[in-house]
Amino acid sequence: MLARATVFIYGVLCYLVFFATFLYAMGFVGGLYVPKSIDSGAQGSLPAALLIDAGLLGLFAVQHSLMARPWFKRAWTRVVPEAAERSTYVLFSSLALLLLFWQWRPVGGVVWSVGGRAGRLGVYGLYLFGWLLLLASTFMIDHFDLFGLRQVWRHLLGRPDAQPEFRTPLLYRHVRHPIYLSWLCIFWAAPLMTAAHLFFALATTAYIFVAVQFEERDLIRSHGDAYRAYRARVPMIFPLRLGKAGRREKTLDLIHQ
């Protein structure tokens, strides 16, 4: 019982670290009410800043994708309790983000600036919408499973962990990845788009469109034909299919079936 309680406490602490990181990220990307944001801090040379920023983003991308792969999970659970695997993933992701917030280098230079109070409020409204969409999307599928709390709670009660069933609630009936849609709103809704912010937005957007391919392969392995059928009828990130791209995606899904 003591071991199960320890795993549960560990999972709760990992969640609290995540939640603090989540709150700080809102200020960091939006430049709001935090000691250090995406455009604050001393500016150094442009090549050095871009190299450091690219390294920080690359570290997060590698950690976030590598630890999510099924083969890594199988190997990793030989080191950590299976019930704590998701919590550990959440902890490492949070630490990678905190390192990025701490060591991020501003670049300077304005790409665009939205003038007028109404325009700025509109952009900030889209930014806030992105965060609300992100949070809502996690609860639609199972927020506590996504961030490891369900697993450590069931372990504390001595219940075996069950594989979540494939569901498409609410927004998931219109787009397969509303969480990624929310991130795109967050990254690009900037009334003042600096060079550093643009670099961040471009890099993270590219990562999303690469990561989603790996994620969908894992989902097909887990849910088979159910996910293939879902993929064939529901757009990936945006709630529409654009011309040839949409037809090409449908054709690929039919071939994979």
C-alpha atoms as a PDB file:
ATOM      1  CA  MET A   1       0.000   0.000   0.000  1.00  0.00           C
ATOM      2  CA  LEU A   2       2.873   2.371   0.828  1.00  0.00           C
ATOM      3  CA  ALA A   3       4.374   1.849  -2.632  1.00  0.00           C
ATOM      4  CA  ARG A   4       1.026   2.589  -4.283  1.00  0.00           C
ATOM      5  CA  ALA A   5       0.616   5.734  -2.163  1.00  0.00           C
ATOM      6  CA  THR A   6       4.110   6.876  -3.164  1.00  0.00           C
ATOM      7  CA  VAL A   7       3.265   6.449  -6.859  1.00  0.00           C
ATOM      8  CA  PHE A   8       0.029   8.400  -6.338  1.00  0.00           C
ATOM      9  CA  ILE A   9       1.795  11.287  -4.577  1.00  0.00           C
ATOM     10  CA  TYR A  10       4.404  11.320  -7.336  1.00  0.00           C
ATOM     11  CA  GLY A  11       1.657  11.511  -9.969  1.00  0.00           C
ATOM     12  CA  VAL A  12      -0.047  14.410  -8.174  1.00  0.00           C
ATOM     13  CA  LEU A  13       3.251  16.301  -7.889  1.00  0.00           C
ATOM     14  CA  CYS A  14       3.931  15.762 -11.597  1.00  0.00           C
ATOM     15  CA  TYR A  15       0.476  17.147 -12.382  1.00  0.00           C
ATOM     16  CA  LEU A  16       1.088  20.215 -10.211  1.00  0.00           C
ATOM     17  CA  VAL A  17       4.371  20.866 -12.039  1.00  0.00           C
ATOM     18  CA  PHE A  18       2.490  20.569 -15.327  1.00  0.00           C
ATOM     19  CA  PHE A  19      -0.259  22.946 -14.184  1.00  0.00           C
ATOM     20  CA  ALA A  20       2.257  25.574 -13.054  1.00  0.00           C
ATOM     21  CA  THR A  21       4.037  25.214 -16.412  1.00  0.00           C
ATOM     22  CA  PHE A  22       0.707  25.545 -18.233  1.00  0.00           C
ATOM     23  CA  LEU A  23      -0.071  28.806 -16.435  1.00  0.00           C
ATOM     24  CA  TYR A  24       3.407  30.205 -17.068  1.00  0.00           C
ATOM     25  CA  ALA A  25       3.185  29.254 -20.749  1.00  0.00           C
ATOM     26  CA  MET A  26       0.104  31.462 -21.113  1.00  0.00           C
ATOM     27  CA  GLY A  27       2.154  34.441 -20.009  1.00  0.00           C
ATOM     28  CA  PHE A  28       5.347  33.433 -21.799  1.00  0.00           C
ATOM     29  CA  VAL A  29       3.860  33.113 -25.301  1.00  0.00           C
ATOM     30  CA  GLY A  30       1.489  36.050 -24.885  1.00  0.00           C
ATOM     31  CA  GLY A  31       3.963  38.333 -23.129  1.00  0.00           C
ATOM     32  CA  LEU A  32       1.596  38.741 -20.188  1.00  0.00           C
ATOM     33  CA  TYR A  33       2.348  39.072 -16.465  1.00  0.00           C
ATOM     34  CA  VAL A  34       5.407  36.814 -16.208  1.00  0.00           C
ATOM     35  CA  PRO A  35       9.018  37.705 -15.325  1.00  0.00           C
ATOM     36  CA  LYS A  36      10.326  36.362 -18.632  1.00  0.00           C
ATOM     37  CA  SER A  37       8.379  36.116 -21.870  1.00  0.00           C
ATOM     38  CA  ILE A  38       9.154  35.240 -25.467  1.00  0.00           C
ATOM     39  CA  ASP A  39      10.361  38.801 -26.156  1.00  0.00           C
ATOM     40  CA  SER A  40      11.938  39.781 -22.850  1.00  0.00           C
ATOM     41  CA  GLY A  41      15.538  39.511 -21.699  1.00  0.00           C
ATOM     42  CA  ALA A  42      18.861  40.783 -22.955  1.00  0.00           C
ATOM     43  CA  GLN A  43      19.484  40.432 -26.692  1.00  0.00           C
ATOM     44  CA  GLY A  44      22.714  38.887 -27.921  1.00  0.00           C
ATOM     45  CA  SER A  45      23.927  38.155 -31.413  1.00  0.00           C
ATOM     46  CA  LEU A  46      21.305  36.902 -33.861  1.00  0.00           C
ATOM     47  CA  PRO A  47      23.123  33.644 -34.826  1.00  0.00           C
ATOM     48  CA  ALA A  48      23.726  32.707 -31.181  1.00  0.00           C
ATOM     49  CA  ALA A  49      20.114  33.459 -30.204  1.00  0.00           C
ATOM     50  CA  LEU A  50      18.673  31.431 -33.071  1.00  0.00           C
ATOM     51  CA  LEU A  51      21.024  28.532 -32.329  1.00  0.00           C
ATOM     52  CA  ILE A  52      20.049  28.452 -28.651  1.00  0.00           C
ATOM     53  CA  ASP A  53      16.339  28.813 -29.391  1.00  0.00           C
ATOM     54  CA  ALA A  54      16.468  26.090 -32.042  1.00  0.00           C
ATOM     55  CA  GLY A  55      18.271  23.802 -29.604  1.00  0.00           C
ATOM     56  CA  LEU A  56      15.648  24.386 -26.901  1.00  0.00           C
ATOM     57  CA  LEU A  57      12.797  23.705 -29.320  1.00  0.00           C
ATOM     58  CA  GLY A  58      14.598  20.640 -30.667  1.00  0.00           C
ATOM     59  CA  LEU A  59      15.156  19.266 -27.167  1.00  0.00           C
ATOM     60  CA  PHE A  60      11.455  19.591 -26.384  1.00  0.00           C
ATOM     61  CA  ALA A  61      10.440  18.045 -29.721  1.00  0.00           C
ATOM     62  CA  VAL A  62      12.736  15.035 -29.259  1.00  0.00           C
ATOM     63  CA  GLN A  63      11.651  14.464 -25.664  1.00  0.00           C
ATOM     64  CA  HIS A  64       7.974  14.950 -26.409  1.00  0.00           C
ATOM     65  CA  SER A  65       7.931  12.624 -29.408  1.00  0.00           C
ATOM     66  CA  LEU A  66      10.443   9.994 -28.258  1.00  0.00           C
ATOM     67  CA  MET A  67       8.836   9.335 -24.890  1.00  0.00           C
ATOM     68  CA  ALA A  68       5.404   9.024 -26.532  1.00  0.00           C
ATOM     69  CA  ARG A  69       6.418   6.163 -28.810  1.00  0.00           C
ATOM     70  CA  PRO A  70       5.083   2.714 -27.805  1.00  0.00           C
ATOM     71  CA  TRP A  71       8.513   1.047 -28.017  1.00  0.00           C
ATOM     72  CA  PHE A  72       9.971   3.670 -25.655  1.00  0.00           C
ATOM     73  CA  LYS A  73       7.097   3.187 -23.215  1.00  0.00           C
ATOM     74  CA  ARG A  74       7.696  -0.564 -23.154  1.00  0.00           C
ATOM     75  CA  ALA A  75      11.378  -0.026 -22.377  1.00  0.00           C
ATOM     76  CA  TRP A  76      10.757   2.831 -19.941  1.00  0.00           C
ATOM     77  CA  THR A  77       8.318   0.848 -17.788  1.00  0.00           C
ATOM     78  CA  ARG A  78      11.170  -1.471 -16.912  1.00  0.00           C
ATOM     79  CA  VAL A  79      12.637   1.520 -15.056  1.00  0.00           C
ATOM     80  CA  VAL A  80       9.541   3.295 -13.692  1.00  0.00           C
ATOM     81  CA  PRO A  81       6.264   1.728 -12.498  1.00  0.00           C
ATOM     82  CA  GLU A  82       3.808   1.352 -15.343  1.00  0.00           C
ATOM     83  CA  ALA A  83       1.229   3.423 -13.453  1.00  0.00           C
ATOM     84  CA  ALA A  84       3.709   6.304 -13.265  1.00  0.00           C
ATOM     85  CA  GLU A  85       4.782   6.190 -16.927  1.00  0.00           C
ATOM     86  CA  ARG A  86       2.376   8.901 -18.087  1.00  0.00           C
ATOM     87  CA  SER A  87       3.113  11.103 -15.079  1.00  0.00           C
ATOM     88  CA  THR A  88       6.832  10.819 -15.804  1.00  0.00           C
ATOM     89  CA  TYR A  89       6.225  11.792 -19.427  1.00  0.00           C
ATOM     90  CA  VAL A  90       4.244  14.829 -18.262  1.00  0.00           C
ATOM     91  CA  LEU A  91       7.012  15.759 -15.795  1.00  0.00           C
ATOM     92  CA  PHE A  92       9.784  15.564 -18.408  1.00  0.00           C
ATOM     93  CA  SER A  93       7.697  17.563 -20.897  1.00  0.00           C
ATOM     94  CA  SER A  94       7.104  20.240 -18.265  1.00  0.00           C
ATOM     95  CA  LEU A  95      10.791  20.395 -17.363  1.00  0.00           C
ATOM     96  CA  ALA A  96      11.750  20.734 -21.035  1.00  0.00           C
ATOM     97  CA  LEU A  97       9.304  23.635 -21.361  1.00  0.00           C
ATOM     98  CA  LEU A  98      10.544  25.307 -18.169  1.00  0.00           C
ATOM     99  CA  LEU A  99      14.104  25.090 -19.496  1.00  0.00           C
ATOM    100  CA  LEU A 100      12.900  26.680 -22.748  1.00  0.00           C
ATOM    101  CA  PHE A 101      11.188  29.524 -20.852  1.00  0.00           C
ATOM    102  CA  TRP A 102      14.301  30.120 -18.765  1.00  0.00           C
ATOM    103  CA  GLN A 103      16.910  30.039 -21.516  1.00  0.00           C
ATOM    104  CA  TRP A 104      14.928  31.434 -24.483  1.00  0.00           C
ATOM    105  CA  ARG A 105      16.688  34.292 -26.256  1.00  0.00           C
ATOM    106  CA  PRO A 106      14.789  37.235 -27.757  1.00  0.00           C
ATOM    107  CA  VAL A 107      15.772  38.296 -31.260  1.00  0.00           C
ATOM    108  CA  GLY A 108      14.136  41.698 -31.759  1.00  0.00           C
ATOM    109  CA  GLY A 109      12.568  43.094 -34.901  1.00  0.00           C
ATOM    110  CA  VAL A 110       8.856  43.543 -35.560  1.00  0.00           C
ATOM    111  CA  VAL A 111       7.159  41.412 -38.247  1.00  0.00           C
ATOM    112  CA  TRP A 112       3.711  42.881 -37.693  1.00  0.00           C
ATOM    113  CA  SER A 113       1.897  45.015 -35.161  1.00  0.00           C
ATOM    114  CA  VAL A 114      -1.879  45.195 -34.875  1.00  0.00           C
ATOM    115  CA  GLY A 115      -2.951  48.785 -34.376  1.00  0.00           C
ATOM    116  CA  GLY A 116      -6.013  50.002 -32.553  1.00  0.00           C
ATOM    117  CA  ARG A 117      -7.547  48.842 -29.316  1.00  0.00           C
ATOM    118  CA  ALA A 118     -10.288  46.807 -31.013  1.00  0.00           C
ATOM    119  CA  GLY A 119      -7.798  44.973 -33.218  1.00  0.00           C
ATOM    120  CA  ARG A 120      -5.506  44.122 -30.321  1.00  0.00           C
ATOM    121  CA  LEU A 121      -8.440  42.943 -28.198  1.00  0.00           C
ATOM    122  CA  GLY A 122      -9.600  40.761 -31.084  1.00  0.00           C
ATOM    123  CA  VAL A 123      -6.183  39.102 -31.378  1.00  0.00           C
ATOM    124  CA  TYR A 124      -5.949  38.599 -27.626  1.00  0.00           C
ATOM    125  CA  GLY A 125      -9.460  37.157 -27.749  1.00  0.00           C
ATOM    126  CA  LEU A 126      -8.274  34.571 -30.286  1.00  0.00           C
ATOM    127  CA  TYR A 127      -5.257  33.872 -28.059  1.00  0.00           C
ATOM    128  CA  LEU A 128      -7.489  33.279 -25.037  1.00  0.00           C
ATOM    129  CA  PHE A 129      -9.832  31.171 -27.173  1.00  0.00           C
ATOM    130  CA  GLY A 130      -6.872  28.954 -28.060  1.00  0.00           C
ATOM    131  CA  TRP A 131      -6.108  28.269 -24.397  1.00  0.00           C
ATOM    132  CA  LEU A 132      -9.757  27.607 -23.551  1.00  0.00           C
ATOM    133  CA  LEU A 133     -10.057  25.289 -26.554  1.00  0.00           C
ATOM    134  CA  LEU A 134      -6.928  23.464 -25.436  1.00  0.00           C
ATOM    135  CA  LEU A 135      -8.228  22.891 -21.934  1.00  0.00           C
ATOM    136  CA  ALA A 136     -11.717  21.934 -23.133  1.00  0.00           C
ATOM    137  CA  SER A 137     -10.293  19.478 -25.682  1.00  0.00           C
ATOM    138  CA  THR A 138      -8.345  17.630 -22.982  1.00  0.00           C
ATOM    139  CA  PHE A 139     -11.459  17.225 -20.825  1.00  0.00           C
ATOM    140  CA  MET A 140     -13.486  15.949 -23.792  1.00  0.00           C
ATOM    141  CA  ILE A 141     -11.234  12.913 -24.137  1.00  0.00           C
ATOM    142  CA  ASP A 142     -10.113  12.481 -20.485  1.00  0.00           C
ATOM    143  CA  HIS A 143      -7.964  15.213 -18.994  1.00  0.00           C
ATOM    144  CA  PHE A 144      -6.887  13.125 -16.019  1.00  0.00           C
ATOM    145  CA  ASP A 145      -5.826  10.181 -18.181  1.00  0.00           C
ATOM    146  CA  LEU A 146      -3.901  12.489 -20.515  1.00  0.00           C
ATOM    147  CA  PHE A 147      -1.880  13.898 -17.627  1.00  0.00           C
ATOM    148  CA  GLY A 148      -1.404  10.704 -15.635  1.00  0.00           C
ATOM    149  CA  LEU A 149      -3.742  11.205 -12.679  1.00  0.00           C
ATOM    150  CA  ARG A 150      -6.220   8.476 -13.634  1.00  0.00           C
ATOM    151  CA  GLN A 151      -3.456   5.898 -13.855  1.00  0.00           C
ATOM    152  CA  VAL A 152      -1.948   6.631 -10.428  1.00  0.00           C
ATOM    153  CA  TRP A 153      -5.423   6.822  -8.834  1.00  0.00           C
ATOM    154  CA  ARG A 154      -6.429   3.418 -10.166  1.00  0.00           C
ATOM    155  CA  HIS A 155      -3.060   2.053  -9.036  1.00  0.00           C
ATOM    156  CA  LEU A 156      -3.669   3.455  -5.541  1.00  0.00           C
ATOM    157  CA  LEU A 157      -7.016   1.630  -5.422  1.00  0.00           C
ATOM    158  CA  GLY A 158      -5.435  -1.586  -6.670  1.00  0.00           C
ATOM    159  CA  ARG A 159      -7.445  -1.573  -9.895  1.00  0.00           C
ATOM    160  CA  PRO A 160      -5.827  -2.658 -13.174  1.00  0.00           C
ATOM    161  CA  ASP A 161      -5.452   0.123 -15.699  1.00  0.00           C
ATOM    162  CA  ALA A 162      -7.779  -0.224 -18.674  1.00  0.00           C
ATOM    163  CA  GLN A 163      -7.054   0.944 -22.219  1.00  0.00           C
ATOM    164  CA  PRO A 164      -9.327   3.954 -22.911  1.00  0.00           C
ATOM    165  CA  GLU A 165     -11.914   3.162 -25.553  1.00  0.00           C
ATOM    166  CA  PHE A 166     -11.957   5.028 -28.851  1.00  0.00           C
ATOM    167  CA  ARG A 167     -14.438   7.916 -28.644  1.00  0.00           C
ATOM    168  CA  THR A 168     -15.129  11.039 -30.695  1.00  0.00           C
ATOM    169  CA  PRO A 169     -16.914  13.459 -28.343  1.00  0.00           C
ATOM    170  CA  LEU A 170     -18.080  16.943 -29.320  1.00  0.00           C
ATOM    171  CA  LEU A 171     -15.262  18.778 -31.151  1.00  0.00           C
ATOM    172  CA  TYR A 172     -13.633  15.467 -32.086  1.00  0.00           C
ATOM    173  CA  ARG A 173     -16.561  14.854 -34.428  1.00  0.00           C
ATOM    174  CA  HIS A 174     -15.435  17.848 -36.501  1.00  0.00           C
ATOM    175  CA  VAL A 175     -11.623  17.683 -36.300  1.00  0.00           C
ATOM    176  CA  ARG A 176      -9.399  14.805 -35.269  1.00  0.00           C
ATOM    177  CA  HIS A 177      -6.951  16.976 -33.345  1.00  0.00           C
ATOM    178  CA  PRO A 178      -8.618  20.020 -31.753  1.00  0.00           C
ATOM    179  CA  ILE A 179      -5.687  20.200 -29.321  1.00  0.00           C
ATOM    180  CA  TYR A 180      -3.347  20.958 -32.225  1.00  0.00           C
ATOM    181  CA  LEU A 181      -5.835  23.505 -33.579  1.00  0.00           C
ATOM    182  CA  SER A 182      -5.763  25.231 -30.207  1.00  0.00           C
ATOM    183  CA  TRP A 183      -1.954  25.366 -30.235  1.00  0.00           C
ATOM    184  CA  LEU A 184      -1.976  26.988 -33.677  1.00  0.00           C
ATOM    185  CA  CYS A 185      -4.345  29.689 -32.375  1.00  0.00           C
ATOM    186  CA  ILE A 186      -2.037  30.241 -29.401  1.00  0.00           C
ATOM    187  CA  PHE A 187       1.185  30.407 -31.404  1.00  0.00           C
ATOM    188  CA  TRP A 188      -0.066  32.745 -34.136  1.00  0.00           C
ATOM    189  CA  ALA A 189      -2.482  35.065 -32.280  1.00  0.00           C
ATOM    190  CA  ALA A 190       0.026  37.807 -31.513  1.00  0.00           C
ATOM    191  CA  PRO A 191      -0.857  41.500 -31.778  1.00  0.00           C
ATOM    192  CA  LEU A 192       2.900  42.171 -31.833  1.00  0.00           C
ATOM    193  CA  MET A 193       4.715  39.512 -33.841  1.00  0.00           C
ATOM    194  CA  THR A 194       8.434  39.782 -33.287  1.00  0.00           C
ATOM    195  CA  ALA A 195      11.141  37.843 -35.090  1.00  0.00           C
ATOM    196  CA  ALA A 196      11.622  35.581 -32.052  1.00  0.00           C
ATOM    197  CA  HIS A 197       7.894  34.893 -31.822  1.00  0.00           C
ATOM    198  CA  LEU A 198       7.716  34.183 -35.558  1.00  0.00           C
ATOM    199  CA  PHE A 199      10.619  31.739 -35.284  1.00  0.00           C
ATOM    200  CA  PHE A 200       8.867  30.055 -32.354  1.00  0.00           C
ATOM    201  CA  ALA A 201       5.542  29.886 -34.220  1.00  0.00           C
ATOM    202  CA  LEU A 202       7.073  28.497 -37.413  1.00  0.00           C
ATOM    203  CA  ALA A 203       9.112  25.863 -35.576  1.00  0.00           C
ATOM    204  CA  THR A 204       6.254  24.694 -33.369  1.00  0.00           C
ATOM    205  CA  THR A 205       3.829  24.618 -36.295  1.00  0.00           C
ATOM    206  CA  ALA A 206       6.246  22.472 -38.298  1.00  0.00           C
ATOM    207  CA  TYR A 207       6.598  20.164 -35.290  1.00  0.00           C
ATOM    208  CA  ILE A 208       2.808  19.790 -35.009  1.00  0.00           C
ATOM    209  CA  PHE A 209       2.432  18.658 -38.607  1.00  0.00           C
ATOM    210  CA  VAL A 210       5.279  16.166 -38.235  1.00  0.00           C
ATOM    211  CA  ALA A 211       4.208  14.872 -34.812  1.00  0.00           C
ATOM    212  CA  VAL A 212       0.617  14.300 -35.901  1.00  0.00           C
ATOM    213  CA  GLN A 213       1.803  11.744 -38.470  1.00  0.00           C
ATOM    214  CA  PHE A 214       3.505   9.643 -35.778  1.00  0.00           C
ATOM    215  CA  GLU A 215       0.558  10.042 -33.425  1.00  0.00           C
ATOM    216  CA  GLU A 216      -1.922   8.855 -36.029  1.00  0.00           C
ATOM    217  CA  ARG A 217       0.191   5.782 -36.808  1.00  0.00           C
ATOM    218  CA  ASP A 218       0.050   4.892 -33.112  1.00  0.00           C
ATOM    219  CA  LEU A 219      -3.721   5.465 -33.057  1.00  0.00           C
ATOM    220  CA  ILE A 220      -4.205   3.191 -36.069  1.00  0.00           C
ATOM    221  CA  ARG A 221      -2.136   0.490 -34.330  1.00  0.00           C
ATOM    222  CA  SER A 222      -4.274   0.856 -31.196  1.00  0.00           C
ATOM    223  CA  HIS A 223      -7.736   1.195 -32.742  1.00  0.00           C
ATOM    224  CA  GLY A 224      -7.364  -0.271 -36.243  1.00  0.00           C
ATOM    225  CA  ASP A 225     -10.281   0.091 -38.638  1.00  0.00           C
ATOM    226  CA  ALA A 226     -12.266   2.291 -36.254  1.00  0.00           C
ATOM    227  CA  TYR A 227      -9.606   4.985 -36.457  1.00  0.00           C
ATOM    228  CA  ARG A 228      -9.098   4.506 -40.202  1.00  0.00           C
ATOM    229  CA  ALA A 229     -12.801   5.114 -40.794  1.00  0.00           C
ATOM    230  CA  TYR A 230     -12.703   8.142 -38.496  1.00  0.00           C
ATOM    231  CA  ARG A 231      -9.678   9.484 -40.320  1.00  0.00           C
ATOM    232  CA  ALA A 232     -11.403   9.073 -43.677  1.00  0.00           C
ATOM    233  CA  ARG A 233     -14.423  11.178 -42.739  1.00  0.00           C
ATOM    234  CA  VAL A 234     -13.079  13.818 -40.303  1.00  0.00           C
ATOM    235  CA  PRO A 235     -10.495  16.513 -41.150  1.00  0.00           C
ATOM    236  CA  MET A 236      -7.180  16.428 -39.312  1.00  0.00           C
ATOM    237  CA  ILE A 237      -6.807  19.866 -37.689  1.00  0.00           C
ATOM    238  CA  PHE A 238      -8.967  22.440 -39.477  1.00  0.00           C
ATOM    239  CA  PRO A 239     -12.740  21.784 -39.651  1.00  0.00           C
ATOM    240  CA  LEU A 240     -12.739  21.566 -43.441  1.00  0.00           C
ATOM    241  CA  ARG A 241     -10.987  19.710 -46.232  1.00  0.00           C
ATOM    242  CA  LEU A 242      -9.327  21.905 -48.820  1.00  0.00           C
ATOM    243  CA  GLY A 243      -9.735  20.729 -52.423  1.00  0.00           C
ATOM    244  CA  LYS A 244      -7.058  18.334 -53.614  1.00  0.00           C
ATOM    245  CA  ALA A 245      -5.490  18.009 -50.170  1.00  0.00           C
ATOM    246  CA  GLY A 246      -8.741  16.732 -48.715  1.00  0.00           C
ATOM    247  CA  ARG A 247      -9.304  14.290 -51.578  1.00  0.00           C
ATOM    248  CA  ARG A 248      -5.722  13.060 -51.327  1.00  0.00           C
ATOM    249  CA  GLU A 249      -6.118  12.367 -47.586  1.00  0.00           C
ATOM    250  CA  LYS A 250      -9.320  10.422 -48.209  1.00  0.00           C
ATOM    251  CA  THR A 251      -7.624   8.404 -50.960  1.00  0.00           C
ATOM    252  CA  LEU A 252      -4.688   7.541 -48.689  1.00  0.00           C
ATOM    253  CA  ASP A 253      -7.057   6.438 -45.934  1.00  0.00           C
ATOM    254  CA  LEU A 254      -8.935   4.151 -48.327  1.00  0.00           C
ATOM    255  CA  ILE A 255      -5.644   2.640 -49.536  1.00  0.00           C
ATOM    256  CA  HIS A 256      -4.549   1.963 -45.934  1.00  0.00           C
ATOM    257  CA  GLN A 257      -7.804   0.174 -45.268  1.00  0.00           C
END
